[in-house]
PDB file of N, CA and C in Angstrom:
ATOM      1  N   UNK A   1     -21.085 -21.660  -3.703  1.00  0.00           N
ATOM      2  CA  UNK A   1     -20.206 -21.384  -2.590  1.00  0.00           C
ATOM      3  C   UNK A   1     -18.744 -21.536  -3.004  1.00  0.00           C
ATOM      4  N   UNK A   2     -18.415 -22.609  -3.695  1.00  0.00           N
ATOM      5  CA  UNK A   2     -17.035 -22.841  -4.123  1.00  0.00           C
ATOM      6  C   UNK A   2     -16.580 -21.793  -5.124  1.00  0.00           C
ATOM      7  N   UNK A   3     -17.476 -21.377  -6.013  1.00  0.00           N
ATOM      8  CA  UNK A   3     -17.076 -20.383  -7.013  1.00  0.00           C
ATOM      9  C   UNK A   3     -16.826 -19.029  -6.372  1.00  0.00           C
ATOM     10  N   UNK A   4     -17.556 -18.724  -5.286  1.00  0.00           N
ATOM     11  CA  UNK A   4     -17.318 -17.463  -4.586  1.00  0.00           C
ATOM     12  C   UNK A   4     -15.925 -17.441  -3.965  1.00  0.00           C
ATOM     13  N   UNK A   5     -15.526 -18.559  -3.375  1.00  0.00           N
ATOM     14  CA  UNK A   5     -14.192 -18.640  -2.778  1.00  0.00           C
ATOM     15  C   UNK A   5     -13.131 -18.574  -3.872  1.00  0.00           C
ATOM     16  N   UNK A   6     -13.388 -19.224  -4.989  1.00  0.00           N
ATOM     17  CA  UNK A   6     -12.439 -19.188  -6.104  1.00  0.00           C
ATOM     18  C   UNK A   6     -12.254 -17.783  -6.652  1.00  0.00           C
ATOM     19  N   UNK A   7     -13.358 -17.075  -6.835  1.00  0.00           N
ATOM     20  CA  UNK A   7     -13.271 -15.688  -7.324  1.00  0.00           C
ATOM     21  C   UNK A   7     -12.531 -14.804  -6.333  1.00  0.00           C
ATOM     22  N   UNK A   8     -12.813 -15.002  -5.049  1.00  0.00           N
ATOM     23  CA  UNK A   8     -12.148 -14.198  -4.034  1.00  0.00           C
ATOM     24  C   UNK A   8     -10.639 -14.460  -4.051  1.00  0.00           C
ATOM     25  N   UNK A   9     -10.232 -15.706  -4.206  1.00  0.00           N
ATOM     26  CA  UNK A   9      -8.803 -16.033  -4.252  1.00  0.00           C
ATOM     27  C   UNK A   9      -8.135 -15.449  -5.493  1.00  0.00           C
ATOM     28  N   UNK A  10      -8.848 -15.451  -6.608  1.00  0.00           N
ATOM     29  CA  UNK A  10      -8.298 -14.859  -7.831  1.00  0.00           C
ATOM     30  C   UNK A  10      -8.097 -13.358  -7.644  1.00  0.00           C
ATOM     31  N   UNK A  11      -9.107 -12.669  -7.102  1.00  0.00           N
ATOM     32  CA  UNK A  11      -8.989 -11.234  -6.875  1.00  0.00           C
ATOM     33  C   UNK A  11      -7.896 -10.912  -5.867  1.00  0.00           C
ATOM     34  N   UNK A  12      -7.791 -11.732  -4.841  1.00  0.00           N
ATOM     35  CA  UNK A  12      -6.742 -11.530  -3.847  1.00  0.00           C
ATOM     36  C   UNK A  12      -5.359 -11.734  -4.465  1.00  0.00           C
ATOM     37  N   UNK A  13      -5.233 -12.720  -5.343  1.00  0.00           N
ATOM     38  CA  UNK A  13      -3.967 -12.947  -6.036  1.00  0.00           C
ATOM     39  C   UNK A  13      -3.592 -11.792  -6.938  1.00  0.00           C
ATOM     40  N   UNK A  14      -4.573 -11.274  -7.674  1.00  0.00           N
ATOM     41  CA  UNK A  14      -4.329 -10.116  -8.551  1.00  0.00           C
ATOM     42  C   UNK A  14      -3.914  -8.917  -7.712  1.00  0.00           C
ATOM     43  N   UNK A  15      -4.601  -8.697  -6.601  1.00  0.00           N
ATOM     44  CA  UNK A  15      -4.261  -7.583  -5.721  1.00  0.00           C
ATOM     45  C   UNK A  15      -2.855  -7.731  -5.158  1.00  0.00           C
ATOM     46  N   UNK A  16      -2.469  -8.947  -4.792  1.00  0.00           N
ATOM     47  CA  UNK A  16      -1.125  -9.169  -4.267  1.00  0.00           C
ATOM     48  C   UNK A  16      -0.056  -8.920  -5.321  1.00  0.00           C
ATOM     49  N   UNK A  17      -0.338  -9.301  -6.563  1.00  0.00           N
ATOM     50  CA  UNK A  17       0.610  -9.036  -7.644  1.00  0.00           C
ATOM     51  C   UNK A  17       0.759  -7.525  -7.853  1.00  0.00           C
ATOM     52  N   UNK A  18      -0.350  -6.813  -7.856  1.00  0.00           N
ATOM     53  CA  UNK A  18      -0.302  -5.358  -8.040  1.00  0.00           C
ATOM     54  C   UNK A  18       0.471  -4.698  -6.904  1.00  0.00           C
ATOM     55  N   UNK A  19       0.198  -5.106  -5.681  1.00  0.00           N
ATOM     56  CA  UNK A  19       0.912  -4.548  -4.533  1.00  0.00           C
ATOM     57  C   UNK A  19       2.396  -4.882  -4.616  1.00  0.00           C
ATOM     58  N   UNK A  20       2.730  -6.095  -5.008  1.00  0.00           N
ATOM     59  CA  UNK A  20       4.126  -6.488  -5.152  1.00  0.00           C
ATOM     60  C   UNK A  20       4.864  -5.664  -6.199  1.00  0.00           C
ATOM     61  N   UNK A  21       4.206  -5.409  -7.321  1.00  0.00           N
ATOM     62  CA  UNK A  21       4.823  -4.589  -8.377  1.00  0.00           C
ATOM     63  C   UNK A  21       5.015  -3.162  -7.892  1.00  0.00           C
ATOM     64  N   UNK A  22       4.020  -2.618  -7.202  1.00  0.00           N
ATOM     65  CA  UNK A  22       4.134  -1.246  -6.683  1.00  0.00           C
ATOM     66  C   UNK A  22       5.255  -1.155  -5.658  1.00  0.00           C
ATOM     67  N   UNK A  23       5.369  -2.147  -4.792  1.00  0.00           N
ATOM     68  CA  UNK A  23       6.432  -2.124  -3.792  1.00  0.00           C
ATOM     69  C   UNK A  23       7.802  -2.269  -4.455  1.00  0.00           C
ATOM     70  N   UNK A  24       7.900  -3.139  -5.449  1.00  0.00           N
ATOM     71  CA  UNK A  24       9.191  -3.379  -6.101  1.00  0.00           C
ATOM     72  C   UNK A  24       9.639  -2.179  -6.939  1.00  0.00           C
ATOM     73  N   UNK A  25       8.736  -1.651  -7.756  1.00  0.00           N
ATOM     74  CA  UNK A  25       9.098  -0.561  -8.659  1.00  0.00           C
ATOM     75  C   UNK A  25       8.670   0.800  -8.144  1.00  0.00           C
ATOM     76  N   UNK A  26       7.901   0.850  -7.078  1.00  0.00           N
ATOM     77  CA  UNK A  26       7.335   2.102  -6.586  1.00  0.00           C
ATOM     78  C   UNK A  26       8.358   3.102  -6.108  1.00  0.00           C
ATOM     79  N   UNK A  27       9.442   2.634  -5.526  1.00  0.00           N
ATOM     80  CA  UNK A  27      10.460   3.541  -5.026  1.00  0.00           C
ATOM     81  C   UNK A  27      11.127   4.356  -6.121  1.00  0.00           C
ATOM     82  N   UNK A  28      11.112   3.832  -7.327  1.00  0.00           N
ATOM     83  CA  UNK A  28      11.731   4.546  -8.439  1.00  0.00           C
ATOM     84  C   UNK A  28      10.832   5.647  -8.973  1.00  0.00           C
ATOM     85  N   UNK A  29       9.518   5.428  -8.905  1.00  0.00           N
ATOM     86  CA  UNK A  29       8.579   6.378  -9.492  1.00  0.00           C
ATOM     87  C   UNK A  29       7.796   7.164  -8.441  1.00  0.00           C
ATOM     88  N   UNK A  30       7.439   6.513  -7.358  1.00  0.00           N
ATOM     89  CA  UNK A  30       6.681   7.152  -6.284  1.00  0.00           C
ATOM     90  C   UNK A  30       7.529   7.171  -5.016  1.00  0.00           C
ATOM     91  N   UNK A  31       7.633   8.316  -4.375  1.00  0.00           N
ATOM     92  CA  UNK A  31       8.438   8.364  -3.142  1.00  0.00           C
ATOM     93  C   UNK A  31       7.646   7.882  -1.931  1.00  0.00           C
ATOM     94  N   UNK A  32       7.112   6.657  -2.003  1.00  0.00           N
ATOM     95  CA  UNK A  32       6.318   6.138  -0.889  1.00  0.00           C
ATOM     96  C   UNK A  32       7.180   6.043   0.358  1.00  0.00           C
ATOM     97  N   UNK A  33       6.662   6.534   1.465  1.00  0.00           N
ATOM     98  CA  UNK A  33       7.400   6.541   2.713  1.00  0.00           C
ATOM     99  C   UNK A  33       8.218   7.799   2.908  1.00  0.00           C
ATOM    100  N   UNK A  34       8.295   8.643   1.899  1.00  0.00           N
ATOM    101  CA  UNK A  34       9.053   9.889   1.994  1.00  0.00           C
ATOM    102  C   UNK A  34       8.235  11.058   1.482  1.00  0.00           C
ATOM    103  N   UNK A  35       6.935  11.007   1.672  1.00  0.00           N
ATOM    104  CA  UNK A  35       6.060  12.070   1.208  1.00  0.00           C
ATOM    105  C   UNK A  35       6.038  13.218   2.209  1.00  0.00           C
ATOM    106  N   UNK A  36       5.722  14.417   1.729  1.00  0.00           N
ATOM    107  CA  UNK A  36       5.559  15.532   2.679  1.00  0.00           C
ATOM    108  C   UNK A  36       4.424  15.202   3.653  1.00  0.00           C
ATOM    109  N   UNK A  37       4.649  15.414   4.918  1.00  0.00           N
ATOM    110  CA  UNK A  37       3.657  15.093   5.929  1.00  0.00           C
ATOM    111  C   UNK A  37       3.990  13.835   6.696  1.00  0.00           C
ATOM    112  N   UNK A  38       4.889  13.019   6.178  1.00  0.00           N
ATOM    113  CA  UNK A  38       5.343  11.846   6.916  1.00  0.00           C
ATOM    114  C   UNK A  38       6.196  12.319   8.094  1.00  0.00           C
ATOM    115  N   UNK A  39       6.024  11.676   9.225  1.00  0.00           N
ATOM    116  CA  UNK A  39       6.703  12.103  10.444  1.00  0.00           C
ATOM    117  C   UNK A  39       8.049  11.391  10.539  1.00  0.00           C
ATOM    118  N   UNK A  40       9.099  12.178  10.689  1.00  0.00           N
ATOM    119  CA  UNK A  40      10.443  11.617  10.865  1.00  0.00           C
ATOM    120  C   UNK A  40      11.141  12.408  11.960  1.00  0.00           C
ATOM    121  N   UNK A  41      11.542  11.715  13.005  1.00  0.00           N
ATOM    122  CA  UNK A  41      12.211  12.334  14.144  1.00  0.00           C
ATOM    123  C   UNK A  41      13.530  11.626  14.377  1.00  0.00           C
ATOM    124  N   UNK A  42      14.582  12.393  14.528  1.00  0.00           N
ATOM    125  CA  UNK A  42      15.913  11.836  14.745  1.00  0.00           C
ATOM    126  C   UNK A  42      16.601  12.610  15.857  1.00  0.00           C
ATOM    127  N   UNK A  43      17.127  11.887  16.829  1.00  0.00           N
ATOM    128  CA  UNK A  43      17.823  12.532  17.941  1.00  0.00           C
ATOM    129  C   UNK A  43      18.891  11.573  18.459  1.00  0.00           C
ATOM    130  N   UNK A  44      20.122  11.925  18.280  1.00  0.00           N
ATOM    131  CA  UNK A  44      21.228  11.088  18.753  1.00  0.00           C
ATOM    132  C   UNK A  44      21.202   9.720  18.096  1.00  0.00           C
ATOM    133  N   UNK A  45      21.083   8.672  18.919  1.00  0.00           N
ATOM    134  CA  UNK A  45      21.042   7.301  18.408  1.00  0.00           C
ATOM    135  C   UNK A  45      19.627   6.824  18.133  1.00  0.00           C
ATOM    136  N   UNK A  46      18.632   7.668  18.364  1.00  0.00           N
ATOM    137  CA  UNK A  46      17.234   7.281  18.210  1.00  0.00           C
ATOM    138  C   UNK A  46      16.655   7.864  16.942  1.00  0.00           C
ATOM    139  N   UNK A  47      15.911   7.039  16.245  1.00  0.00           N
ATOM    140  CA  UNK A  47      15.254   7.480  15.016  1.00  0.00           C
ATOM    141  C   UNK A  47      13.840   6.912  14.990  1.00  0.00           C
ATOM    142  N   UNK A  48      12.868   7.751  14.622  1.00  0.00           N
ATOM    143  CA  UNK A  48      11.470   7.325  14.551  1.00  0.00           C
ATOM    144  C   UNK A  48      10.900   7.829  13.234  1.00  0.00           C
ATOM    145  N   UNK A  49      10.261   6.932  12.488  1.00  0.00           N
ATOM    146  CA  UNK A  49       9.660   7.299  11.206  1.00  0.00           C
ATOM    147  C   UNK A  49       8.264   6.721  11.139  1.00  0.00           C
ATOM    148  N   UNK A  50       7.252   7.586  10.929  1.00  0.00           N
ATOM    149  CA  UNK A  50       5.872   7.137  10.780  1.00  0.00           C
ATOM    150  C   UNK A  50       5.300   7.766   9.520  1.00  0.00           C
ATOM    151  N   UNK A  51       5.112   6.966   8.458  1.00  0.00           N
ATOM    152  CA  UNK A  51       4.636   7.492   7.173  1.00  0.00           C
ATOM    153  C   UNK A  51       3.111   7.659   7.141  1.00  0.00           C
ATOM    154  N   UNK A  52       2.589   8.638   7.875  1.00  0.00           N
ATOM    155  CA  UNK A  52       1.144   8.825   7.999  1.00  0.00           C
ATOM    156  C   UNK A  52       0.490   9.176   6.663  1.00  0.00           C
ATOM    157  N   UNK A  53       1.089  10.066   5.883  1.00  0.00           N
ATOM    158  CA  UNK A  53       0.505  10.450   4.594  1.00  0.00           C
ATOM    159  C   UNK A  53       0.547   9.275   3.625  1.00  0.00           C
ATOM    160  N   UNK A  54       1.625   8.517   3.640  1.00  0.00           N
ATOM    161  CA  UNK A  54       1.720   7.330   2.797  1.00  0.00           C
ATOM    162  C   UNK A  54       0.629   6.332   3.166  1.00  0.00           C
ATOM    163  N   UNK A  55       0.388   6.140   4.455  1.00  0.00           N
ATOM    164  CA  UNK A  55      -0.666   5.220   4.899  1.00  0.00           C
ATOM    165  C   UNK A  55      -2.034   5.675   4.416  1.00  0.00           C
ATOM    166  N   UNK A  56      -2.293   6.968   4.475  1.00  0.00           N
ATOM    167  CA  UNK A  56      -3.590   7.497   4.020  1.00  0.00           C
ATOM    168  C   UNK A  56      -3.759   7.272   2.525  1.00  0.00           C
ATOM    169  N   UNK A  57      -2.722   7.546   1.743  1.00  0.00           N
ATOM    170  CA  UNK A  57      -2.811   7.378   0.291  1.00  0.00           C
ATOM    171  C   UNK A  57      -2.992   5.909  -0.071  1.00  0.00           C
ATOM    172  N   UNK A  58      -2.241   5.020   0.563  1.00  0.00           N
ATOM    173  CA  UNK A  58      -2.383   3.588   0.291  1.00  0.00           C
ATOM    174  C   UNK A  58      -3.785   3.121   0.667  1.00  0.00           C
ATOM    175  N   UNK A  59      -4.318   3.619   1.766  1.00  0.00           N
ATOM    176  CA  UNK A  59      -5.663   3.256   2.190  1.00  0.00           C
ATOM    177  C   UNK A  59      -6.708   3.696   1.171  1.00  0.00           C
ATOM    178  N   UNK A  60      -6.581   4.902   0.661  1.00  0.00           N
ATOM    179  CA  UNK A  60      -7.530   5.405  -0.342  1.00  0.00           C
ATOM    180  C   UNK A  60      -7.451   4.579  -1.619  1.00  0.00           C
ATOM    181  N   UNK A  61      -6.243   4.282  -2.077  1.00  0.00           N
ATOM    182  CA  UNK A  61      -6.076   3.509  -3.310  1.00  0.00           C
ATOM    183  C   UNK A  61      -6.638   2.098  -3.141  1.00  0.00           C
ATOM    184  N   UNK A  62      -6.346   1.446  -2.020  1.00  0.00           N
ATOM    185  CA  UNK A  62      -6.883   0.103  -1.793  1.00  0.00           C
ATOM    186  C   UNK A  62      -8.405   0.119  -1.672  1.00  0.00           C
ATOM    187  N   UNK A  63      -8.946   1.166  -1.063  1.00  0.00           N
ATOM    188  CA  UNK A  63     -10.393   1.291  -0.951  1.00  0.00           C
ATOM    189  C   UNK A  63     -11.036   1.396  -2.333  1.00  0.00           C
ATOM    190  N   UNK A  64     -10.445   2.181  -3.210  1.00  0.00           N
ATOM    191  CA  UNK A  64     -10.978   2.326  -4.578  1.00  0.00           C
ATOM    192  C   UNK A  64     -10.889   1.003  -5.326  1.00  0.00           C
ATOM    193  N   UNK A  65      -9.746   0.312  -5.205  1.00  0.00           N
ATOM    194  CA  UNK A  65      -9.575  -0.966  -5.896  1.00  0.00           C
ATOM    195  C   UNK A  65     -10.588  -1.999  -5.403  1.00  0.00           C
ATOM    196  N   UNK A  66     -10.771  -2.077  -4.110  1.00  0.00           N
ATOM    197  CA  UNK A  66     -11.712  -3.046  -3.556  1.00  0.00           C
ATOM    198  C   UNK A  66     -13.153  -2.711  -3.939  1.00  0.00           C
ATOM    199  N   UNK A  67     -13.497  -1.439  -4.027  1.00  0.00           N
ATOM    200  CA  UNK A  67     -14.853  -1.064  -4.448  1.00  0.00           C
ATOM    201  C   UNK A  67     -15.086  -1.382  -5.923  1.00  0.00           C
ATOM    202  N   UNK A  68     -14.031  -1.305  -6.736  1.00  0.00           N
ATOM    203  CA  UNK A  68     -14.168  -1.654  -8.156  1.00  0.00           C
ATOM    204  C   UNK A  68     -14.474  -3.145  -8.287  1.00  0.00           C
ATOM    205  N   UNK A  69     -13.775  -3.995  -7.522  1.00  0.00           N
ATOM    206  CA  UNK A  69     -13.985  -5.440  -7.606  1.00  0.00           C
ATOM    207  C   UNK A  69     -15.261  -5.884  -6.918  1.00  0.00           C
ATOM    208  N   UNK A  70     -15.801  -5.065  -6.027  1.00  0.00           N
ATOM    209  CA  UNK A  70     -17.034  -5.437  -5.346  1.00  0.00           C
ATOM    210  C   UNK A  70     -18.199  -5.151  -6.240  1.00  0.00           C
TER     211      UNK A  70
END
């Protein structure tokens, strides 16, 4: 039981490091949040941005990573 929790924490830590690196350096290489298909509406003083395509891509990548570790 303890080793299962330990392994899960290690994998979660590795995943957090990977996500942190992607967030930190991702803007330079990947236009996350500015992909074609992301919704951006601007009118006067109001602005709305919903990165739907970015969310789908991040979801697919995380799903693949989690299936590899499972």
